[in-house]
Structure formats: structure tokens, C-alpha cells
C-alpha atoms as a PDB file:
ATOM      1  CA  MET A   1       9.654  21.923   8.171  1.00  0.00           C
ATOM      2  CA  THR A   2      10.252  23.725  11.465  1.00  0.00           C
ATOM      3  CA  ASP A   3       8.927  21.699  14.409  1.00  0.00           C
ATOM      4  CA  ARG A   4       7.543  18.963  12.128  1.00  0.00           C
ATOM      5  CA  ARG A   5       8.047  15.406  13.397  1.00  0.00           C
ATOM      6  CA  VAL A   6       9.315  13.008  10.762  1.00  0.00           C
ATOM      7  CA  ILE A   7      10.017   9.260  10.832  1.00  0.00           C
ATOM      8  CA  ILE A   8      12.239   7.753   8.143  1.00  0.00           C
ATOM      9  CA  THR A   9      12.883   4.022   8.025  1.00  0.00           C
ATOM     10  CA  GLY A  10      16.351   2.917   6.956  1.00  0.00           C
ATOM     11  CA  ALA A  11      17.708   6.415   7.492  1.00  0.00           C
ATOM     12  CA  ASN A  12      21.252   5.388   8.413  1.00  0.00           C
ATOM     13  CA  SER A  13      22.405   5.038   4.790  1.00  0.00           C
ATOM     14  CA  GLY A  14      21.628   5.820   1.152  1.00  0.00           C
ATOM     15  CA  ILE A  15      18.684   7.911   0.093  1.00  0.00           C
ATOM     16  CA  GLY A  16      17.080   7.566   3.524  1.00  0.00           C
ATOM     17  CA  ARG A  17      20.102   9.192   5.118  1.00  0.00           C
ATOM     18  CA  ALA A  18      20.102  11.943   2.484  1.00  0.00           C
ATOM     19  CA  ALA A  19      16.400  12.643   3.019  1.00  0.00           C
ATOM     20  CA  ALA A  20      16.870  12.693   6.784  1.00  0.00           C
ATOM     21  CA  HIS A  21      19.774  15.130   6.462  1.00  0.00           C
ATOM     22  CA  ALA A  22      17.752  17.457   4.227  1.00  0.00           C
ATOM     23  CA  LEU A  23      14.646  17.428   6.414  1.00  0.00           C
ATOM     24  CA  ALA A  24      16.610  17.909   9.628  1.00  0.00           C
ATOM     25  CA  GLY A  25      18.411  20.810   7.968  1.00  0.00           C
ATOM     26  CA  ALA A  26      15.036  22.325   7.113  1.00  0.00           C
ATOM     27  CA  GLY A  27      14.004  22.347  10.776  1.00  0.00           C
ATOM     28  CA  ALA A  28      12.219  19.007  11.221  1.00  0.00           C
ATOM     29  CA  HIS A  29      12.707  16.744  14.212  1.00  0.00           C
ATOM     30  CA  VAL A  30      13.759  13.568  12.398  1.00  0.00           C
ATOM     31  CA  VAL A  31      13.532  10.083  13.871  1.00  0.00           C
ATOM     32  CA  LEU A  32      15.902   7.623  12.212  1.00  0.00           C
ATOM     33  CA  ALA A  33      14.113   4.262  12.463  1.00  0.00           C
ATOM     34  CA  VAL A  34      16.903   1.758  11.919  1.00  0.00           C
ATOM     35  CA  ARG A  35      17.821  -1.843  12.574  1.00  0.00           C
ATOM     36  CA  ASP A  36      21.381  -1.049  13.710  1.00  0.00           C
ATOM     37  CA  LEU A  37      21.404   1.606  16.420  1.00  0.00           C
ATOM     38  CA  GLU A  38      25.144   2.201  16.224  1.00  0.00           C
ATOM     39  CA  LYS A  39      24.993   2.915  12.498  1.00  0.00           C
ATOM     40  CA  GLY A  40      21.960   5.100  13.073  1.00  0.00           C
ATOM     41  CA  ARG A  41      23.737   7.160  15.718  1.00  0.00           C
ATOM     42  CA  THR A  42      26.801   7.535  13.491  1.00  0.00           C
ATOM     43  CA  ALA A  43      24.609   8.866  10.686  1.00  0.00           C
ATOM     44  CA  ALA A  44      22.608  11.136  12.990  1.00  0.00           C
ATOM     45  CA  ALA A  45      25.761  12.667  14.458  1.00  0.00           C
ATOM     46  CA  LYS A  46      26.609  14.107  11.024  1.00  0.00           C
ATOM     47  CA  MET A  47      23.194  15.696  10.494  1.00  0.00           C
ATOM     48  CA  PRO A  48      22.118  19.246  11.323  1.00  0.00           C
ATOM     49  CA  GLY A  49      19.195  20.077  13.547  1.00  0.00           C
ATOM     50  CA  GLU A  50      17.260  17.727  15.815  1.00  0.00           C
ATOM     51  CA  THR A  51      17.536  13.985  15.264  1.00  0.00           C
ATOM     52  CA  GLU A  52      16.660  10.907  17.244  1.00  0.00           C
ATOM     53  CA  VAL A  53      17.508   7.247  16.675  1.00  0.00           C
ATOM     54  CA  ARG A  54      15.081   4.410  17.449  1.00  0.00           C
ATOM     55  CA  ARG A  55      15.396   0.719  16.704  1.00  0.00           C
ATOM     56  CA  LEU A  56      13.118  -0.799  14.070  1.00  0.00           C
ATOM     57  CA  ASP A  57      13.564  -4.124  12.283  1.00  0.00           C
ATOM     58  CA  LEU A  58      10.991  -4.323   9.516  1.00  0.00           C
ATOM     59  CA  ALA A  59      11.733  -8.037   9.101  1.00  0.00           C
ATOM     60  CA  SER A  60      10.156  -8.649  12.511  1.00  0.00           C
ATOM     61  CA  LEU A  61       6.517  -7.847  13.226  1.00  0.00           C
ATOM     62  CA  ALA A  62       7.335  -7.913  16.941  1.00  0.00           C
ATOM     63  CA  SER A  63       9.877  -5.123  16.380  1.00  0.00           C
ATOM     64  CA  VAL A  64       7.366  -3.154  14.297  1.00  0.00           C
ATOM     65  CA  ARG A  65       4.768  -3.452  17.039  1.00  0.00           C
ATOM     66  CA  GLU A  66       7.295  -2.453  19.707  1.00  0.00           C
ATOM     67  CA  PHE A  67       8.332   0.635  17.740  1.00  0.00           C
ATOM     68  CA  ALA A  68       4.743   1.714  17.084  1.00  0.00           C
ATOM     69  CA  GLY A  69       3.633   0.953  20.629  1.00  0.00           C
ATOM     70  CA  ALA A  70       6.329   3.209  22.053  1.00  0.00           C
ATOM     71  CA  TRP A  71       5.314   6.167  19.902  1.00  0.00           C
ATOM     72  CA  ASP A  72       3.659   9.124  21.577  1.00  0.00           C
ATOM     73  CA  GLY A  73       2.501  12.285  19.867  1.00  0.00           C
ATOM     74  CA  GLN A  74       1.873  13.530  16.368  1.00  0.00           C
ATOM     75  CA  ILE A  75       3.709  12.417  13.217  1.00  0.00           C
ATOM     76  CA  ASP A  76       3.744  14.945  10.415  1.00  0.00           C
ATOM     77  CA  LEU A  77       5.532  12.741   7.906  1.00  0.00           C
ATOM     78  CA  LEU A  78       6.258   9.012   7.688  1.00  0.00           C
ATOM     79  CA  ILE A  79       8.716   7.947   4.995  1.00  0.00           C
ATOM     80  CA  ASN A  80       8.709   4.207   4.314  1.00  0.00           C
ATOM     81  CA  ASN A  81      12.188   4.106   2.822  1.00  0.00           C
ATOM     82  CA  ALA A  82      14.023   1.013   4.091  1.00  0.00           C
ATOM     83  CA  GLY A  83      14.385  -1.907   1.744  1.00  0.00           C
ATOM     84  CA  VAL A  84      16.388  -4.898   0.589  1.00  0.00           C
ATOM     85  CA  MET A  85      17.178  -5.823  -3.004  1.00  0.00           C
ATOM     86  CA  VAL A  86      17.758  -9.249  -4.614  1.00  0.00           C
ATOM     87  CA  PRO A  87      19.286 -11.220  -1.728  1.00  0.00           C
ATOM     88  CA  PRO A  88      19.370 -15.038  -1.805  1.00  0.00           C
ATOM     89  CA  LEU A  89      16.166 -16.634  -0.571  1.00  0.00           C
ATOM     90  CA  THR A  90      15.855 -15.536   3.050  1.00  0.00           C
ATOM     91  CA  ARG A  91      12.981 -15.575   5.522  1.00  0.00           C
ATOM     92  CA  THR A  92      11.950 -12.899   8.001  1.00  0.00           C
ATOM     93  CA  ALA A  93      11.406 -13.668  11.676  1.00  0.00           C
ATOM     94  CA  ASP A  94       7.759 -14.343  10.787  1.00  0.00           C
ATOM     95  CA  GLY A  95       8.542 -16.632   7.857  1.00  0.00           C
ATOM     96  CA  PHE A  96       7.906 -14.186   5.005  1.00  0.00           C
ATOM     97  CA  GLU A  97      10.186 -13.979   1.973  1.00  0.00           C
ATOM     98  CA  LEU A  98      12.615 -11.230   2.980  1.00  0.00           C
ATOM     99  CA  GLN A  99      11.907  -8.711   0.211  1.00  0.00           C
ATOM    100  CA  PHE A 100       8.114  -8.995   0.408  1.00  0.00           C
ATOM    101  CA  GLY A 101       8.278  -9.107   4.199  1.00  0.00           C
ATOM    102  CA  THR A 102      10.557  -6.093   4.597  1.00  0.00           C
ATOM    103  CA  ASN A 103       9.751  -3.870   1.642  1.00  0.00           C
ATOM    104  CA  HIS A 104       5.990  -4.326   1.819  1.00  0.00           C
ATOM    105  CA  LEU A 105       4.589  -6.159   4.848  1.00  0.00           C
ATOM    106  CA  GLY A 106       6.819  -4.462   7.420  1.00  0.00           C
ATOM    107  CA  HIS A 107       5.878  -1.024   6.117  1.00  0.00           C
ATOM    108  CA  PHE A 108       2.218  -2.031   5.755  1.00  0.00           C
ATOM    109  CA  ALA A 109       2.100  -2.976   9.432  1.00  0.00           C
ATOM    110  CA  LEU A 110       4.100   0.048  10.561  1.00  0.00           C
ATOM    111  CA  THR A 111       1.918   2.524   8.677  1.00  0.00           C
ATOM    112  CA  ASN A 112      -1.348   1.144   9.959  1.00  0.00           C
ATOM    113  CA  LEU A 113      -0.088   0.879  13.532  1.00  0.00           C
ATOM    114  CA  LEU A 114       1.034   4.518  13.446  1.00  0.00           C
ATOM    115  CA  LEU A 115      -1.775   5.910  11.303  1.00  0.00           C
ATOM    116  CA  GLU A 116      -3.809   7.394  14.138  1.00  0.00           C
ATOM    117  CA  HIS A 117      -0.779   9.544  14.997  1.00  0.00           C
ATOM    118  CA  ILE A 118      -0.119  10.728  11.418  1.00  0.00           C
ATOM    119  CA  ALA A 119      -1.364  14.184  10.532  1.00  0.00           C
ATOM    120  CA  GLY A 120       0.379  14.904   7.260  1.00  0.00           C
ATOM    121  CA  ARG A 121       1.701  12.443   4.735  1.00  0.00           C
ATOM    122  CA  VAL A 122       2.894   8.861   4.190  1.00  0.00           C
ATOM    123  CA  VAL A 123       5.571   8.438   1.508  1.00  0.00           C
ATOM    124  CA  THR A 124       6.505   4.934   0.380  1.00  0.00           C
ATOM    125  CA  VAL A 125       9.618   4.351  -1.710  1.00  0.00           C
ATOM    126  CA  SER A 126       9.071   2.050  -4.676  1.00  0.00           C
ATOM    127  CA  SER A 127      11.231   1.448  -7.760  1.00  0.00           C
ATOM    128  CA  THR A 128      11.102   1.280 -11.536  1.00  0.00           C
ATOM    129  CA  GLY A 129      11.549  -2.431 -10.766  1.00  0.00           C
ATOM    130  CA  HIS A 130       7.824  -2.511 -10.017  1.00  0.00           C
ATOM    131  CA  ARG A 131       7.338  -2.871 -13.774  1.00  0.00           C
ATOM    132  CA  MET A 132       8.678  -6.421 -13.729  1.00  0.00           C
ATOM    133  CA  GLY A 133       6.532  -7.388 -10.759  1.00  0.00           C
ATOM    134  CA  THR A 134       3.362  -9.430 -10.485  1.00  0.00           C
ATOM    135  CA  ILE A 135       1.393 -10.233  -7.348  1.00  0.00           C
ATOM    136  CA  ASP A 136       1.232 -14.017  -7.058  1.00  0.00           C
ATOM    137  CA  PHE A 137      -1.552 -14.535  -4.548  1.00  0.00           C
ATOM    138  CA  ASP A 138      -1.051 -18.296  -4.701  1.00  0.00           C
ATOM    139  CA  ASP A 139       2.534 -17.993  -3.482  1.00  0.00           C
ATOM    140  CA  LEU A 140       3.271 -14.502  -2.152  1.00  0.00           C
ATOM    141  CA  ASN A 141       6.191 -15.742  -0.061  1.00  0.00           C
ATOM    142  CA  TRP A 142       7.900 -18.027  -2.574  1.00  0.00           C
ATOM    143  CA  GLU A 143       7.205 -21.215  -0.663  1.00  0.00           C
ATOM    144  CA  HIS A 144       6.342 -23.403  -3.670  1.00  0.00           C
ATOM    145  CA  LYS A 145       7.797 -22.039  -6.908  1.00  0.00           C
ATOM    146  CA  PRO A 146      11.551 -21.738  -7.613  1.00  0.00           C
ATOM    147  CA  TYR A 147      12.900 -18.527  -6.109  1.00  0.00           C
ATOM    148  CA  ARG A 148      13.746 -15.704  -8.503  1.00  0.00           C
ATOM    149  CA  ALA A 149      15.313 -12.802  -6.611  1.00  0.00           C
ATOM    150  CA  TRP A 150      14.564 -10.126  -9.210  1.00  0.00           C
ATOM    151  CA  ARG A 151      10.954 -11.218  -9.615  1.00  0.00           C
ATOM    152  CA  ALA A 152      10.555 -11.206  -5.845  1.00  0.00           C
ATOM    153  CA  TYR A 153      11.984  -7.685  -5.755  1.00  0.00           C
ATOM    154  CA  GLY A 154       9.589  -6.588  -8.504  1.00  0.00           C
ATOM    155  CA  GLN A 155       6.650  -8.049  -6.594  1.00  0.00           C
ATOM    156  CA  SER A 156       7.628  -6.151  -3.429  1.00  0.00           C
ATOM    157  CA  LYS A 157       8.026  -2.850  -5.268  1.00  0.00           C
ATOM    158  CA  LEU A 158       4.729  -3.313  -7.117  1.00  0.00           C
ATOM    159  CA  ALA A 159       3.168  -4.003  -3.733  1.00  0.00           C
ATOM    160  CA  ASN A 160       4.476  -0.618  -2.513  1.00  0.00           C
ATOM    161  CA  LEU A 161       2.510   1.192  -5.223  1.00  0.00           C
ATOM    162  CA  LEU A 162      -0.644  -0.872  -4.789  1.00  0.00           C
ATOM    163  CA  PHE A 163      -0.432  -0.245  -1.035  1.00  0.00           C
ATOM    164  CA  THR A 164      -0.145   3.508  -1.620  1.00  0.00           C
ATOM    165  CA  SER A 165      -3.183   3.539  -3.899  1.00  0.00           C
ATOM    166  CA  GLU A 166      -5.375   1.507  -1.560  1.00  0.00           C
ATOM    167  CA  LEU A 167      -4.195   3.474   1.475  1.00  0.00           C
ATOM    168  CA  GLN A 168      -5.169   6.725  -0.223  1.00  0.00           C
ATOM    169  CA  ARG A 169      -8.559   5.312  -1.178  1.00  0.00           C
ATOM    170  CA  ARG A 170      -9.202   4.326   2.430  1.00  0.00           C
ATOM    171  CA  LEU A 171      -7.986   7.628   3.822  1.00  0.00           C
ATOM    172  CA  THR A 172     -10.279   9.537   1.479  1.00  0.00           C
ATOM    173  CA  ALA A 173     -13.244   7.310   2.305  1.00  0.00           C
ATOM    174  CA  ALA A 174     -12.593   7.769   6.008  1.00  0.00           C
ATOM    175  CA  GLY A 175     -12.577  11.554   5.612  1.00  0.00           C
ATOM    176  CA  SER A 176      -8.907  11.858   6.544  1.00  0.00           C
ATOM    177  CA  ALA A 177      -6.767  14.730   5.245  1.00  0.00           C
ATOM    178  CA  VAL A 178      -3.635  12.529   5.340  1.00  0.00           C
ATOM    179  CA  LEU A 179      -2.045  11.926   1.929  1.00  0.00           C
ATOM    180  CA  ALA A 180      -0.360   8.745   0.717  1.00  0.00           C
ATOM    181  CA  THR A 181       2.245   9.239  -2.000  1.00  0.00           C
ATOM    182  CA  ALA A 182       5.088   7.219  -3.497  1.00  0.00           C
ATOM    183  CA  ALA A 183       8.482   7.841  -5.039  1.00  0.00           C
ATOM    184  CA  HIS A 184      11.328   6.045  -6.742  1.00  0.00           C
ATOM    185  CA  PRO A 185      14.971   7.200  -6.742  1.00  0.00           C
ATOM    186  CA  GLY A 186      15.939   6.196 -10.257  1.00  0.00           C
ATOM    187  CA  TYR A 187      19.485   4.852 -10.347  1.00  0.00           C
ATOM    188  CA  ALA A 188      21.144   6.049  -7.164  1.00  0.00           C
ATOM    189  CA  SER A 189      24.581   5.055  -5.946  1.00  0.00           C
ATOM    190  CA  THR A 190      23.956   3.467  -2.547  1.00  0.00           C
ATOM    191  CA  ASN A 191      24.979   0.343  -0.686  1.00  0.00           C
ATOM    192  CA  LEU A 192      21.707  -1.330  -1.709  1.00  0.00           C
ATOM    193  CA  GLN A 193      23.455  -2.855  -4.717  1.00  0.00           C
ATOM    194  CA  PHE A 194      26.050  -4.693  -2.635  1.00  0.00           C
ATOM    195  CA  HIS A 195      24.057  -7.203  -0.599  1.00  0.00           C
ATOM    196  CA  SER A 196      23.167  -9.788  -3.223  1.00  0.00           C
ATOM    197  CA  GLN A 197      25.945 -12.170  -2.065  1.00  0.00           C
ATOM    198  CA  ARG A 198      26.667 -12.741  -5.761  1.00  0.00           C
ATOM    199  CA  ARG A 199      30.075 -11.428  -6.749  1.00  0.00           C
ATOM    200  CA  LEU A 200      29.274 -10.742 -10.419  1.00  0.00           C
ATOM    201  CA  PHE A 201      26.117  -8.781  -9.649  1.00  0.00           C
ATOM    202  CA  ASP A 202      27.889  -6.748  -6.983  1.00  0.00           C
ATOM    203  CA  LEU A 203      30.735  -6.011  -9.433  1.00  0.00           C
ATOM    204  CA  VAL A 204      28.303  -4.857 -12.125  1.00  0.00           C
ATOM    205  CA  GLY A 205      26.580  -2.714  -9.504  1.00  0.00           C
ATOM    206  CA  ALA A 206      29.881  -1.093  -8.548  1.00  0.00           C
ATOM    207  CA  VAL A 207      30.673  -0.225 -12.170  1.00  0.00           C
ATOM    208  CA  GLY A 208      27.154   1.067 -12.797  1.00  0.00           C
ATOM    209  CA  ASN A 209      27.262   3.191  -9.669  1.00  0.00           C
ATOM    210  CA  ARG A 210      30.499   4.795 -10.810  1.00  0.00           C
ATOM    211  CA  LEU A 211      29.491   5.442 -14.428  1.00  0.00           C
ATOM    212  CA  LEU A 212      25.722   5.930 -14.529  1.00  0.00           C
ATOM    213  CA  ALA A 213      24.199   6.590 -11.131  1.00  0.00           C
ATOM    214  CA  GLN A 214      23.415   9.836  -9.397  1.00  0.00           C
ATOM    215  CA  ASP A 215      24.533  10.167  -5.781  1.00  0.00           C
ATOM    216  CA  GLU A 216      22.311   9.511  -2.782  1.00  0.00           C
ATOM    217  CA  ASN A 217      21.387  13.196  -2.515  1.00  0.00           C
ATOM    218  CA  GLY A 218      20.062  13.137  -6.076  1.00  0.00           C
ATOM    219  CA  GLY A 219      18.327   9.837  -5.391  1.00  0.00           C
ATOM    220  CA  ALA A 220      16.545  11.349  -2.379  1.00  0.00           C
ATOM    221  CA  LEU A 221      15.009  14.220  -4.355  1.00  0.00           C
ATOM    222  CA  PRO A 222      11.917  12.286  -5.528  1.00  0.00           C
ATOM    223  CA  THR A 223      11.280  11.193  -1.925  1.00  0.00           C
ATOM    224  CA  LEU A 224      11.489  14.796  -0.748  1.00  0.00           C
ATOM    225  CA  TYR A 225       9.263  15.915  -3.624  1.00  0.00           C
ATOM    226  CA  ALA A 226       6.661  13.300  -2.693  1.00  0.00           C
ATOM    227  CA  ALA A 227       6.955  14.431   0.929  1.00  0.00           C
ATOM    228  CA  VAL A 228       6.484  18.184   0.598  1.00  0.00           C
ATOM    229  CA  ALA A 229       5.353  19.190  -2.902  1.00  0.00           C
ATOM    230  CA  ASP A 230       1.810  20.371  -3.570  1.00  0.00           C
ATOM    231  CA  ILE A 231       0.634  17.147  -5.210  1.00  0.00           C
ATOM    232  CA  PRO A 232      -2.483  14.975  -4.839  1.00  0.00           C
ATOM    233  CA  GLY A 233      -2.696  11.710  -2.970  1.00  0.00           C
ATOM    234  CA  ASP A 234      -1.521   8.579  -4.783  1.00  0.00           C
ATOM    235  CA  SER A 235       1.043  10.603  -6.730  1.00  0.00           C
ATOM    236  CA  PHE A 236       4.230   8.841  -7.849  1.00  0.00           C
ATOM    237  CA  ALA A 237       7.424  10.897  -8.088  1.00  0.00           C
ATOM    238  CA  GLY A 238      10.666   9.988  -9.819  1.00  0.00           C
ATOM    239  CA  PRO A 239      13.629  11.552 -11.620  1.00  0.00           C
ATOM    240  CA  GLY A 240      12.691  13.545 -14.684  1.00  0.00           C
ATOM    241  CA  GLY A 241      15.882  12.915 -16.626  1.00  0.00           C
ATOM    242  CA  PHE A 242      17.310  10.038 -18.662  1.00  0.00           C
ATOM    243  CA  MET A 243      14.748   7.183 -18.630  1.00  0.00           C
ATOM    244  CA  GLU A 244      13.666   8.242 -15.128  1.00  0.00           C
ATOM    245  CA  GLN A 245      17.082   7.244 -13.807  1.00  0.00           C
ATOM    246  CA  ARG A 246      18.408  10.651 -12.768  1.00  0.00           C
ATOM    247  CA  GLY A 247      17.591  14.330 -12.742  1.00  0.00           C
ATOM    248  CA  ALA A 248      15.176  16.707 -11.050  1.00  0.00           C
ATOM    249  CA  PRO A 249      12.031  15.082  -9.662  1.00  0.00           C
ATOM    250  CA  LYS A 250       8.595  15.175 -11.248  1.00  0.00           C
ATOM    251  CA  LEU A 251       5.418  13.092 -11.256  1.00  0.00           C
ATOM    252  CA  VAL A 252       5.900   9.910 -13.303  1.00  0.00           C
ATOM    253  CA  GLY A 253       3.826   7.054 -14.626  1.00  0.00           C
ATOM    254  CA  ARG A 254       3.447   3.506 -13.395  1.00  0.00           C
ATOM    255  CA  SER A 255       2.691   0.125 -14.911  1.00  0.00           C
ATOM    256  CA  SER A 256      -0.860  -0.974 -15.680  1.00  0.00           C
ATOM    257  CA  ALA A 257      -0.482  -3.616 -12.959  1.00  0.00           C
ATOM    258  CA  ALA A 258       0.164  -0.832 -10.448  1.00  0.00           C
ATOM    259  CA  LYS A 259      -3.166   0.788 -11.380  1.00  0.00           C
ATOM    260  CA  ASP A 260      -5.329  -2.294 -10.741  1.00  0.00           C
ATOM    261  CA  ALA A 261      -7.688  -1.314  -7.916  1.00  0.00           C
ATOM    262  CA  ASP A 262      -9.035  -4.843  -7.537  1.00  0.00           C
ATOM    263  CA  VAL A 263      -5.551  -6.273  -7.041  1.00  0.00           C
ATOM    264  CA  ALA A 264      -4.725  -3.444  -4.623  1.00  0.00           C
ATOM    265  CA  LEU A 265      -7.746  -4.303  -2.499  1.00  0.00           C
ATOM    266  CA  ARG A 266      -6.989  -8.012  -2.608  1.00  0.00           C
ATOM    267  CA  LEU A 267      -3.375  -7.355  -1.632  1.00  0.00           C
ATOM    268  CA  TRP A 268      -4.526  -5.205   1.268  1.00  0.00           C
ATOM    269  CA  ASP A 269      -6.766  -7.993   2.540  1.00  0.00           C
ATOM    270  CA  ALA A 270      -3.937 -10.521   2.185  1.00  0.00           C
ATOM    271  CA  SER A 271      -1.551  -8.189   3.990  1.00  0.00           C
ATOM    272  CA  GLU A 272      -3.978  -7.749   6.870  1.00  0.00           C
ATOM    273  CA  ALA A 273      -4.283 -11.533   7.158  1.00  0.00           C
ATOM    274  CA  LEU A 274      -0.509 -12.068   7.091  1.00  0.00           C
ATOM    275  CA  THR A 275       0.384  -9.303   9.550  1.00  0.00           C
ATOM    276  CA  GLY A 276      -2.649  -9.254  11.799  1.00  0.00           C
ATOM    277  CA  VAL A 277      -2.753  -5.457  11.366  1.00  0.00           C
ATOM    278  CA  SER A 278      -5.733  -3.615   9.905  1.00  0.00           C
ATOM    279  CA  PHE A 279      -6.706  -0.107   8.845  1.00  0.00           C
ATOM    280  CA  PRO A 280      -7.484   1.767  12.087  1.00  0.00           C
ATOM    281  CA  LEU A 281      -9.696   4.621  10.900  1.00  0.00           C
ATOM    282  CA  GLY A 282     -13.037   2.832  10.771  1.00  0.00           C
ATOM    283  CA  VAL A 283     -14.771   0.493   8.353  1.00  0.00           C
ATOM    284  CA  VAL A 284     -14.149   1.361   4.715  1.00  0.00           C
ATOM    285  CA  ALA A 285     -16.411   0.073   1.948  1.00  0.00           C
ATOM    286  CA  GLU A 286     -14.822  -1.990  -0.804  1.00  0.00           C
ATOM    287  CA  ALA A 287     -14.111  -0.230  -4.076  1.00  0.00           C
END
């Protein structure tokens, strides 16, 4: 990875931090794109090699545009890693449900705004939780139906995979050599499990982390595999061990809902309408 330029969102903690540490150690110039600059600098100070910290709040389209607008030069690898999991109903600065807005729409906008700079690969971190997700086009942002945090999380993680598939289709149609891949960490012990604001869930998460989870370095392996392995576009990497929850990375399957090209295209169109950001590499025919 010598002299490669890498951007990783949410790289101040968890699997994002572990991936950043590994890539910086392999010679990459790694940009930690984080909401909290102080936490980002603390994390970067403990990493080898060349690192840089820039502010990015994926829950604000203005912040996404500011980050992308300030970028100059080539990007060899973009890792869409940052995410939130099962918080109480919360809205982003633009009024989106927080999980859909951060996990999907923020990364959708960021990727497309940076795409003309990207020369190598876009990796988006999903989850096995995508299997419980459905894309509710009538109420993507939970404005009408009763809020269900886990279902909202599943929708956002399913959206990550549908985004990856449609992005790869568009890249191929546009004649681009850039690859779009996805990964999931399995069960990794990170601070992601401790922001639900529900004491019982956070307690269960703490016990599960201690007894069942792999550490953040193990959780980052599928991301790194999706980033550098010789695999085709639209690949999905995950742990190869116990029920895809831990172990060495390999290519894994996805739900039938995550393979629906018509839904992927419809979600892309909806995402463009919600964010005001479109695919920048020319007109691409519908599938």
C-alpha cells in the first residue's frame, strides 16, 4: 500500500481504527474522516506511518459536501465504515432517520461526490443484520410507522449492499475500472454496541463482547480483504468461521433481498432525490 491514499470514515474507533492502523502500517497515507477531531487525533497518534485527520459528520449533508469539496488529488481506496446501531429514534441535520441517514445516505453522498477522484476501490461496511432488513419506499425515514430500531438498522445495512451492487453496475457501464465491494465484520467487540441508550441491551452487548466476539482487529479483516484481495466487483466479504461471526475472511452470501437489482435501482433513485447528489460519471442506462 506504499504511497496509496486511503480515506476511512469512522476511523477513530472499532474496526475502522483497526483497518486504518493496518493500512497505515502497510505504507498507505490514511485519512481518518471523523466527526470528533480530538478523538481522531488521539487514534491517529497511535498509528504507524502517515495519517491525517479531517472532520466529517455523515449525519449532515453540509458536512459531507464540505469534506468532499476540500479534497484534492487521487483516492486509491475509500472505506465507508462509520455507522450507528439501534439508537432511539433520532433525526439527522437534514431530517433523515439517523441510521438510514448515516449508514446509507451519508455514504451514498460522500462516495458520489468523491467518485471522480477515486482510482481504485470503494468498500462499504454492511452487516449480517441486512438479512432482517426491508426497503420501505413508502416510509424510508420512519415518519409514519412506529419506530423499530432493529428494523431500521436492518434497512440501513441492506441499503449498503444494494448501493454497492448498483454502484458497481454503474461503474461497469461507464467503463470505469473502479471496483465497489462490501464487507461485514461478524461479531466484533467495539463500542458500537453501547450507544442504544437502553441499559439492558447495552448489558447484553457487554456480556456478548466478552464471551463471543472477536476483537476489533479480527473484525477489520473482512474490510481489509474487500479492500485489497483479488476479487470481483460487488463481492461481499465476511468472517469464515462460526456462523460468519468470527474467523478468517472469505467471500460470503447475502439475502435474496440484497440481490434485487430493481430495488437497488429504485433505492439509488430515491437516494439521489433525498441527497441531491447523483452519479458523476455520465448517464447510465437503467438495468
